[in-house]
């Protein structure tokens, strides 16, 4: 099983490689906990498929945005660089990238895993309580400003 950059290398300039790797690991652990708890023989295969199905849309979104932004960090002369920073400043003031930033930062792995498994009506209470506790802990950490 590959996770992180081994499974989906992002542009280094995207700044998302470590975040995606951590999300991959947490997703895989929660899915393995669920699937192996129900069916030891087929649990790994089920968790692997569920992992791929759940992570692919998010990774595609981040990858596409990284590809779009990759050209912005090429060698530039001083005029091009100042122009780029002007547009970055304008975009931040006009909130042009706000929708993407909301989708990127609002993603909560335990909640997404819980939703994905619940759609199959197979989410056991023990995993649900663990996912909820993890979600509450991560949300509390974000509010305290110790998690980006």
Protein backbone atom coordinates (compact mmCIF):
# COMPACT_ATOMS: atom_id res chain seq x y z
CA UNK A 1 0.00 0.00 0.00
CA UNK A 2 1.43 3.35 -1.02
CA UNK A 3 0.51 6.61 0.71
CA UNK A 4 1.73 10.19 0.53
CA UNK A 5 4.14 11.23 -2.21
CA UNK A 6 4.84 7.59 -3.06
CA UNK A 7 1.22 7.27 -4.20
CA UNK A 8 0.59 10.77 -5.52
CA UNK A 9 3.54 13.12 -5.84
CA UNK A 10 2.46 16.74 -5.77
CA UNK A 11 4.38 19.75 -7.01
CA UNK A 12 6.92 20.74 -4.33
CA UNK A 13 5.68 24.31 -4.62
CA UNK A 14 2.17 23.29 -3.57
CA UNK A 15 3.15 22.87 0.08
CA UNK A 16 0.60 20.05 0.44
CA UNK A 17 2.73 16.87 0.34
CA UNK A 18 3.05 16.32 4.09
CA UNK A 19 -0.60 17.27 4.73
CA UNK A 20 -1.85 14.79 2.15
CA UNK A 21 0.44 12.05 3.52
CA UNK A 22 -0.92 12.58 7.05
CA UNK A 23 -4.50 12.52 5.78
CA UNK A 24 -3.71 9.33 3.84
CA UNK A 25 -2.33 7.62 6.95
CA UNK A 26 -5.24 8.62 9.18
CA UNK A 27 -7.75 7.54 6.54
CA UNK A 28 -6.06 4.18 6.06
CA UNK A 29 -5.84 3.50 9.82
CA UNK A 30 -9.53 4.25 10.38
CA UNK A 31 -10.57 2.12 7.40
CA UNK A 32 -8.33 -0.78 8.44
CA UNK A 33 -9.72 -0.59 11.97
CA UNK A 34 -13.23 -0.84 10.60
CA UNK A 35 -12.66 -3.45 7.90
CA UNK A 36 -10.40 -5.77 9.88
CA UNK A 37 -12.82 -5.64 12.81
CA UNK A 38 -15.54 -7.09 10.61
CA UNK A 39 -13.69 -9.43 8.26
CA UNK A 40 -10.06 -10.35 8.94
CA UNK A 41 -9.63 -12.34 5.72
CA UNK A 42 -10.88 -9.67 3.31
CA UNK A 43 -10.42 -6.60 5.51
CA UNK A 44 -7.21 -5.33 3.94
CA UNK A 45 -8.60 -5.55 0.40
CA UNK A 46 -11.84 -3.81 1.45
CA UNK A 47 -9.94 -1.08 3.31
CA UNK A 48 -7.63 -0.57 0.34
CA UNK A 49 -10.53 -0.12 -2.07
CA UNK A 50 -12.40 2.18 0.32
CA UNK A 51 -9.20 4.20 0.87
CA UNK A 52 -8.71 4.68 -2.86
CA UNK A 53 -12.36 5.60 -3.45
CA UNK A 54 -12.39 8.09 -0.58
CA UNK A 55 -9.05 9.80 -1.18
CA UNK A 56 -9.10 10.08 -4.99
CA UNK A 57 -11.50 13.08 -5.31
CA UNK A 58 -9.62 15.13 -2.71
CA UNK A 59 -6.22 14.30 -4.16
CA UNK A 60 -7.43 15.17 -7.65
CA UNK A 61 -8.61 18.59 -6.41
CA UNK A 62 -5.29 19.35 -4.68
CA UNK A 63 -3.25 18.00 -7.61
CA UNK A 64 -5.11 20.14 -10.18
CA UNK A 65 -4.63 23.29 -8.10
CA UNK A 66 -0.94 22.47 -7.60
CA UNK A 67 -0.53 22.08 -11.36
CA UNK A 68 -2.21 25.46 -11.94
CA UNK A 69 0.06 27.19 -9.43
CA UNK A 70 3.28 25.45 -10.51
CA UNK A 71 3.95 27.93 -13.32
CA UNK A 72 3.78 30.85 -10.91
CA UNK A 73 7.04 29.87 -9.21
CA UNK A 74 9.31 29.84 -12.24
CA UNK A 75 12.31 32.12 -12.79
CA UNK A 76 11.11 35.69 -13.21
CA UNK A 77 12.61 39.09 -13.67
CA UNK A 78 11.89 41.75 -11.04
CA UNK A 79 8.95 43.21 -12.99
CA UNK A 80 7.28 39.82 -13.41
CA UNK A 81 7.79 39.01 -9.74
CA UNK A 82 6.31 42.32 -8.57
CA UNK A 83 3.36 41.83 -10.94
CA UNK A 84 2.80 38.33 -9.56
CA UNK A 85 2.77 39.64 -5.97
CA UNK A 86 0.34 42.37 -6.99
CA UNK A 87 -2.05 39.74 -8.34
CA UNK A 88 -1.61 37.56 -5.25
CA UNK A 89 -2.47 40.57 -3.08
CA UNK A 90 -5.49 41.44 -5.27
CA UNK A 91 -6.74 37.86 -5.24
CA UNK A 92 -6.50 37.74 -1.45
CA UNK A 93 -8.41 41.04 -1.14
CA UNK A 94 -11.08 39.97 -3.62
CA UNK A 95 -11.28 36.50 -2.05
CA UNK A 96 -10.88 34.85 -5.46
CA UNK A 97 -9.42 31.66 -3.98
CA UNK A 98 -11.69 31.56 -0.92
CA UNK A 99 -13.84 28.64 -2.16
CA UNK A 100 -10.77 26.46 -2.80
CA UNK A 101 -9.23 27.40 0.55
CA UNK A 102 -12.46 26.52 2.35
CA UNK A 103 -12.61 23.09 0.67
CA UNK A 104 -8.92 22.52 1.40
CA UNK A 105 -8.98 23.54 5.06
CA UNK A 106 -12.42 22.29 6.08
CA UNK A 107 -11.65 18.65 5.25
CA UNK A 108 -11.83 16.44 8.35
CA UNK A 109 -10.55 12.89 7.86
CA UNK A 110 -12.53 11.10 10.62
CA UNK A 111 -15.75 12.78 9.49
CA UNK A 112 -15.13 11.88 5.85
CA UNK A 113 -14.30 8.26 6.74
CA UNK A 114 -17.39 8.08 8.90
CA UNK A 115 -19.58 9.38 6.05
CA UNK A 116 -18.04 7.00 3.51
CA UNK A 117 -18.58 3.93 5.67
CA UNK A 118 -22.03 5.06 6.79
CA UNK A 119 -23.13 5.23 3.16
CA UNK A 120 -22.59 1.48 3.09
CA UNK A 121 -24.50 1.17 6.41
CA UNK A 122 -21.56 -0.67 7.94
CA UNK A 123 -20.09 1.78 10.41
CA UNK A 124 -19.70 0.05 13.83
CA UNK A 125 -20.20 2.02 17.03
CA UNK A 126 -16.65 1.44 18.30
CA UNK A 127 -15.10 2.97 15.17
CA UNK A 128 -17.73 5.71 15.11
CA UNK A 129 -16.89 6.76 18.67
CA UNK A 130 -13.13 6.65 17.89
CA UNK A 131 -13.63 8.74 14.73
CA UNK A 132 -15.82 11.21 16.60
CA UNK A 133 -13.28 11.52 19.41
CA UNK A 134 -10.45 12.06 16.89
CA UNK A 135 -12.55 14.63 15.06
CA UNK A 136 -13.34 16.50 18.26
CA UNK A 137 -9.68 16.44 19.30
CA UNK A 138 -8.49 17.75 15.93
CA UNK A 139 -11.17 20.48 15.88
CA UNK A 140 -10.20 21.53 19.42
CA UNK A 141 -6.53 21.64 18.39
CA UNK A 142 -7.38 23.81 15.35
CA UNK A 143 -9.32 26.26 17.52
CA UNK A 144 -6.39 26.51 19.92
CA UNK A 145 -4.16 27.43 16.98
CA UNK A 146 -1.67 24.59 17.34
CA UNK A 147 -2.64 22.79 14.12
CA UNK A 148 -2.50 24.14 10.60
